[in-house]
Amino acid sequence: MSVDISISDYLSIRNVAFEWAESYDTKDWGRLKECLAPSVRLDFRSLRGAYHENLNPEEYSKILIGMIGDKRLKTQHFLGAGQWELQKDGLVRVAWQIRAAHQRYADETLAEVINHGHGHGVTTHWYQKIDGVWKLEGVAPRLDFAEYDIFGTLAPPEAAN
């Protein structure tokens, strides 16, 4: 496993990871699209979802909007330590420890919590250098365990009825 990358590449990839997490949590879909490669893989099978290949940034964003875009749902995607692998020049895989907190509110005033659920595991990201800029090219979370009702929290209240 090669990990020989420059400090500037390392810092650039860390910044892309931060942008990814912050865009999810702030629901800033334009910001998310900016950090994505032109073709992205998304593997949500561990989260009872599907595997998607060759998504463009718009398609990727639409999937996330459908999952966590509700203004009554607050999240925090916290990335911990990462295991890094330079797969080839211009392609890096990082397996990040992740804690993803989710809290659903009764309405957009965010005054009353009606459900919460937190996921713990590893999210693997692939980063690709495109025209000298690092972009996120693949995401595959692995849910190891959850606290409370993560799947109920992710489901909109009208879907649970």
C-alpha atoms as a PDB file:
ATOM      1  CA  MET A   1       0.000   0.000   0.000  1.00  0.00           C
ATOM      2  CA  SER A   2       1.634   3.191  -1.172  1.00  0.00           C
ATOM      3  CA  VAL A   3       1.024   6.385   0.786  1.00  0.00           C
ATOM      4  CA  ASP A   4       3.667   8.579  -0.818  1.00  0.00           C
ATOM      5  CA  ILE A   5       1.802  11.791  -1.652  1.00  0.00           C
ATOM      6  CA  SER A   6       2.899  15.400  -1.337  1.00  0.00           C
ATOM      7  CA  ILE A   7       1.797  17.524   1.602  1.00  0.00           C
ATOM      8  CA  SER A   8      -0.037  19.872  -0.780  1.00  0.00           C
ATOM      9  CA  ASP A   9      -2.005  16.927  -2.253  1.00  0.00           C
ATOM     10  CA  TYR A  10      -2.728  15.651   1.268  1.00  0.00           C
ATOM     11  CA  LEU A  11      -4.036  19.037   2.383  1.00  0.00           C
ATOM     12  CA  SER A  12      -6.077  19.470  -0.795  1.00  0.00           C
ATOM     13  CA  ILE A  13      -7.740  16.084  -0.277  1.00  0.00           C
ATOM     14  CA  ARG A  14      -8.442  16.926   3.383  1.00  0.00           C
ATOM     15  CA  ASN A  15     -10.093  20.134   2.198  1.00  0.00           C
ATOM     16  CA  VAL A  16     -12.275  18.226  -0.285  1.00  0.00           C
ATOM     17  CA  ALA A  17     -13.310  15.862   2.538  1.00  0.00           C
ATOM     18  CA  PHE A  18     -14.247  18.849   4.697  1.00  0.00           C
ATOM     19  CA  GLU A  19     -16.251  20.425   1.858  1.00  0.00           C
ATOM     20  CA  TRP A  20     -18.076  17.120   1.318  1.00  0.00           C
ATOM     21  CA  ALA A  21     -19.097  16.831   4.976  1.00  0.00           C
ATOM     22  CA  GLU A  22     -19.965  20.508   5.413  1.00  0.00           C
ATOM     23  CA  SER A  23     -22.030  20.603   2.220  1.00  0.00           C
ATOM     24  CA  TYR A  24     -24.120  17.674   3.499  1.00  0.00           C
ATOM     25  CA  ASP A  25     -24.633  19.295   6.896  1.00  0.00           C
ATOM     26  CA  THR A  26     -25.377  22.803   5.626  1.00  0.00           C
ATOM     27  CA  LYS A  27     -27.452  21.419   2.725  1.00  0.00           C
ATOM     28  CA  ASP A  28     -25.373  23.502   0.330  1.00  0.00           C
ATOM     29  CA  TRP A  29     -25.801  21.438  -2.819  1.00  0.00           C
ATOM     30  CA  GLY A  30     -23.875  23.888  -5.013  1.00  0.00           C
ATOM     31  CA  ARG A  31     -20.905  23.502  -2.670  1.00  0.00           C
ATOM     32  CA  LEU A  32     -21.253  19.720  -2.883  1.00  0.00           C
ATOM     33  CA  LYS A  33     -21.255  19.775  -6.694  1.00  0.00           C
ATOM     34  CA  GLU A  34     -18.039  21.843  -6.684  1.00  0.00           C
ATOM     35  CA  CYS A  35     -16.089  19.119  -4.856  1.00  0.00           C
ATOM     36  CA  LEU A  36     -17.350  16.245  -7.041  1.00  0.00           C
ATOM     37  CA  ALA A  37     -15.622  14.734 -10.065  1.00  0.00           C
ATOM     38  CA  PRO A  38     -17.529  14.810 -13.383  1.00  0.00           C
ATOM     39  CA  SER A  39     -18.356  11.102 -12.871  1.00  0.00           C
ATOM     40  CA  VAL A  40     -18.997   9.840  -9.334  1.00  0.00           C
ATOM     41  CA  ARG A  41     -19.719   6.429  -7.796  1.00  0.00           C
ATOM     42  CA  LEU A  42     -22.070   6.213  -4.813  1.00  0.00           C
ATOM     43  CA  ASP A  43     -22.550   2.968  -2.909  1.00  0.00           C
ATOM     44  CA  PHE A  44     -25.357   3.239  -0.355  1.00  0.00           C
ATOM     45  CA  ARG A  45     -26.004  -0.518  -0.061  1.00  0.00           C
ATOM     46  CA  SER A  46     -24.822  -0.527   3.569  1.00  0.00           C
ATOM     47  CA  LEU A  47     -27.487   2.101   4.281  1.00  0.00           C
ATOM     48  CA  ARG A  48     -30.300   0.114   2.640  1.00  0.00           C
ATOM     49  CA  GLY A  49     -29.774   2.041  -0.570  1.00  0.00           C
ATOM     50  CA  ALA A  50     -28.461   1.336  -4.041  1.00  0.00           C
ATOM     51  CA  TYR A  51     -25.170   1.330  -5.896  1.00  0.00           C
ATOM     52  CA  HIS A  52     -24.831   4.069  -8.508  1.00  0.00           C
ATOM     53  CA  GLU A  53     -22.098   4.436 -11.131  1.00  0.00           C
ATOM     54  CA  ASN A  54     -21.260   7.309 -13.467  1.00  0.00           C
ATOM     55  CA  LEU A  55     -23.366   9.904 -11.681  1.00  0.00           C
ATOM     56  CA  ASN A  56     -22.795  13.492 -12.671  1.00  0.00           C
ATOM     57  CA  PRO A  57     -22.686  16.024  -9.794  1.00  0.00           C
ATOM     58  CA  GLU A  58     -26.332  17.001 -10.373  1.00  0.00           C
ATOM     59  CA  GLU A  59     -27.530  13.383 -10.163  1.00  0.00           C
ATOM     60  CA  TYR A  60     -25.419  12.733  -7.062  1.00  0.00           C
ATOM     61  CA  SER A  61     -26.827  15.852  -5.380  1.00  0.00           C
ATOM     62  CA  LYS A  62     -30.419  14.833  -6.157  1.00  0.00           C
ATOM     63  CA  ILE A  63     -29.891  11.512  -4.367  1.00  0.00           C
ATOM     64  CA  LEU A  64     -28.585  13.338  -1.284  1.00  0.00           C
ATOM     65  CA  ILE A  65     -31.349  15.943  -1.389  1.00  0.00           C
ATOM     66  CA  GLY A  66     -33.863  13.083  -1.344  1.00  0.00           C
ATOM     67  CA  MET A  67     -32.115  11.494   1.612  1.00  0.00           C
ATOM     68  CA  ILE A  68     -31.043  14.397   3.855  1.00  0.00           C
ATOM     69  CA  GLY A  69     -32.327  17.546   2.133  1.00  0.00           C
ATOM     70  CA  ASP A  70     -35.344  18.068   4.384  1.00  0.00           C
ATOM     71  CA  LYS A  71     -34.885  21.294   6.391  1.00  0.00           C
ATOM     72  CA  ARG A  72     -36.386  19.491   9.404  1.00  0.00           C
ATOM     73  CA  LEU A  73     -33.414  17.088   9.404  1.00  0.00           C
ATOM     74  CA  LYS A  74     -30.127  18.243  10.915  1.00  0.00           C
ATOM     75  CA  THR A  75     -26.955  16.213  10.429  1.00  0.00           C
ATOM     76  CA  GLN A  76     -23.298  16.225  11.322  1.00  0.00           C
ATOM     77  CA  HIS A  77     -20.913  14.041   9.321  1.00  0.00           C
ATOM     78  CA  PHE A  78     -17.789  13.877  11.449  1.00  0.00           C
ATOM     79  CA  LEU A  79     -14.705  12.367   9.797  1.00  0.00           C
ATOM     80  CA  GLY A  80     -12.083  10.950  12.151  1.00  0.00           C
ATOM     81  CA  ALA A  81      -8.845   9.171  11.369  1.00  0.00           C
ATOM     82  CA  GLY A  82      -8.249   7.992   7.845  1.00  0.00           C
ATOM     83  CA  GLN A  83      -6.358   5.129   6.241  1.00  0.00           C
ATOM     84  CA  TRP A  84      -4.744   6.446   3.065  1.00  0.00           C
ATOM     85  CA  GLU A  85      -3.710   4.582  -0.073  1.00  0.00           C
ATOM     86  CA  LEU A  86      -2.224   6.012  -3.251  1.00  0.00           C
ATOM     87  CA  GLN A  87      -3.787   3.653  -5.785  1.00  0.00           C
ATOM     88  CA  LYS A  88      -2.087   5.230  -8.775  1.00  0.00           C
ATOM     89  CA  ASP A  89      -0.855   8.639  -9.731  1.00  0.00           C
ATOM     90  CA  GLY A  90      -3.870  10.918  -9.435  1.00  0.00           C
ATOM     91  CA  LEU A  91      -6.119   8.459  -7.535  1.00  0.00           C
ATOM     92  CA  VAL A  92      -6.189   8.197  -3.739  1.00  0.00           C
ATOM     93  CA  ARG A  93      -8.459   6.037  -1.564  1.00  0.00           C
ATOM     94  CA  VAL A  94      -9.131   7.119   2.018  1.00  0.00           C
ATOM     95  CA  ALA A  95     -11.162   5.036   4.467  1.00  0.00           C
ATOM     96  CA  TRP A  96     -12.412   7.565   7.036  1.00  0.00           C
ATOM     97  CA  GLN A  97     -13.832   6.745  10.441  1.00  0.00           C
ATOM     98  CA  ILE A  98     -17.245   8.424  10.477  1.00  0.00           C
ATOM     99  CA  ARG A  99     -19.930   9.349  12.934  1.00  0.00           C
ATOM    100  CA  ALA A 100     -23.025  10.701  11.254  1.00  0.00           C
ATOM    101  CA  ALA A 101     -25.518  12.256  13.658  1.00  0.00           C
ATOM    102  CA  HIS A 102     -29.100  12.774  12.472  1.00  0.00           C
ATOM    103  CA  GLN A 103     -31.887  14.620  14.270  1.00  0.00           C
ATOM    104  CA  ARG A 104     -35.381  15.211  12.886  1.00  0.00           C
ATOM    105  CA  TYR A 105     -37.565  18.067  14.091  1.00  0.00           C
ATOM    106  CA  ALA A 106     -41.337  18.488  14.093  1.00  0.00           C
ATOM    107  CA  ASP A 107     -41.173  21.578  11.876  1.00  0.00           C
ATOM    108  CA  GLU A 108     -38.773  24.156  10.467  1.00  0.00           C
ATOM    109  CA  THR A 109     -38.640  26.106  13.742  1.00  0.00           C
ATOM    110  CA  LEU A 110     -36.382  23.281  14.987  1.00  0.00           C
ATOM    111  CA  ALA A 111     -37.911  23.592  18.456  1.00  0.00           C
ATOM    112  CA  GLU A 112     -39.067  20.000  18.990  1.00  0.00           C
ATOM    113  CA  VAL A 113     -36.980  16.887  18.245  1.00  0.00           C
ATOM    114  CA  ILE A 114     -39.192  14.026  17.115  1.00  0.00           C
ATOM    115  CA  ASN A 115     -36.544  11.443  16.222  1.00  0.00           C
ATOM    116  CA  HIS A 116     -32.811  10.915  16.147  1.00  0.00           C
ATOM    117  CA  GLY A 117     -30.368   8.287  15.014  1.00  0.00           C
ATOM    118  CA  HIS A 118     -26.625   8.188  14.647  1.00  0.00           C
ATOM    119  CA  GLY A 119     -24.496   5.968  12.437  1.00  0.00           C
ATOM    120  CA  HIS A 120     -20.949   4.824  13.158  1.00  0.00           C
ATOM    121  CA  GLY A 121     -18.596   3.143  10.737  1.00  0.00           C
ATOM    122  CA  VAL A 122     -16.237   3.866   7.882  1.00  0.00           C
ATOM    123  CA  THR A 123     -16.845   5.830   4.725  1.00  0.00           C
ATOM    124  CA  THR A 124     -14.446   5.127   1.900  1.00  0.00           C
ATOM    125  CA  HIS A 125     -13.745   7.983  -0.473  1.00  0.00           C
ATOM    126  CA  TRP A 126     -11.838   7.960  -3.742  1.00  0.00           C
ATOM    127  CA  TYR A 127     -10.230  11.217  -4.785  1.00  0.00           C
ATOM    128  CA  GLN A 128      -9.097  11.879  -8.323  1.00  0.00           C
ATOM    129  CA  LYS A 129      -6.859  14.684  -9.548  1.00  0.00           C
ATOM    130  CA  ILE A 130      -8.560  16.276 -12.554  1.00  0.00           C
ATOM    131  CA  ASP A 131      -6.795  19.098 -14.394  1.00  0.00           C
ATOM    132  CA  GLY A 132      -4.619  19.647 -11.324  1.00  0.00           C
ATOM    133  CA  VAL A 133      -7.545  19.792  -8.868  1.00  0.00           C
ATOM    134  CA  TRP A 134      -8.537  17.027  -6.420  1.00  0.00           C
ATOM    135  CA  LYS A 135     -12.182  15.972  -6.686  1.00  0.00           C
ATOM    136  CA  LEU A 136     -14.289  13.356  -4.925  1.00  0.00           C
ATOM    137  CA  GLU A 137     -14.816  10.456  -7.337  1.00  0.00           C
ATOM    138  CA  GLY A 138     -16.438   7.799  -5.145  1.00  0.00           C
ATOM    139  CA  VAL A 139     -18.227   7.355  -1.808  1.00  0.00           C
ATOM    140  CA  ALA A 140     -19.007   4.058  -0.073  1.00  0.00           C
ATOM    141  CA  PRO A 141     -20.163   4.276   3.551  1.00  0.00           C
ATOM    142  CA  ARG A 142     -20.167   1.149   5.738  1.00  0.00           C
ATOM    143  CA  LEU A 143     -22.522   1.233   8.696  1.00  0.00           C
ATOM    144  CA  ASP A 144     -20.992  -0.763  11.561  1.00  0.00           C
ATOM    145  CA  PHE A 145     -23.592   0.124  14.190  1.00  0.00           C
ATOM    146  CA  ALA A 146     -26.222   2.724  14.914  1.00  0.00           C
ATOM    147  CA  GLU A 147     -27.624   4.442  17.960  1.00  0.00           C
ATOM    148  CA  TYR A 148     -31.359   5.007  18.281  1.00  0.00           C
ATOM    149  CA  ASP A 149     -33.463   4.998  15.099  1.00  0.00           C
ATOM    150  CA  ILE A 150     -31.249   6.044  12.186  1.00  0.00           C
ATOM    151  CA  PHE A 151     -33.450   4.638   9.433  1.00  0.00           C
ATOM    152  CA  GLY A 152     -36.638   6.039  10.986  1.00  0.00           C
ATOM    153  CA  THR A 153     -34.939   9.411  11.352  1.00  0.00           C
ATOM    154  CA  LEU A 154     -33.893   9.425   7.698  1.00  0.00           C
ATOM    155  CA  ALA A 155     -37.409   8.545   6.537  1.00  0.00           C
ATOM    156  CA  PRO A 156     -39.627  11.611   6.238  1.00  0.00           C
ATOM    157  CA  PRO A 157     -42.485  11.425   8.785  1.00  0.00           C
ATOM    158  CA  GLU A 158     -45.103  11.054   6.022  1.00  0.00           C
ATOM    159  CA  ALA A 159     -43.147   8.021   4.658  1.00  0.00           C
ATOM    160  CA  ALA A 160     -43.263   6.314   8.059  1.00  0.00           C
ATOM    161  CA  ASN A 161     -47.083   6.292   8.113  1.00  0.00           C
END
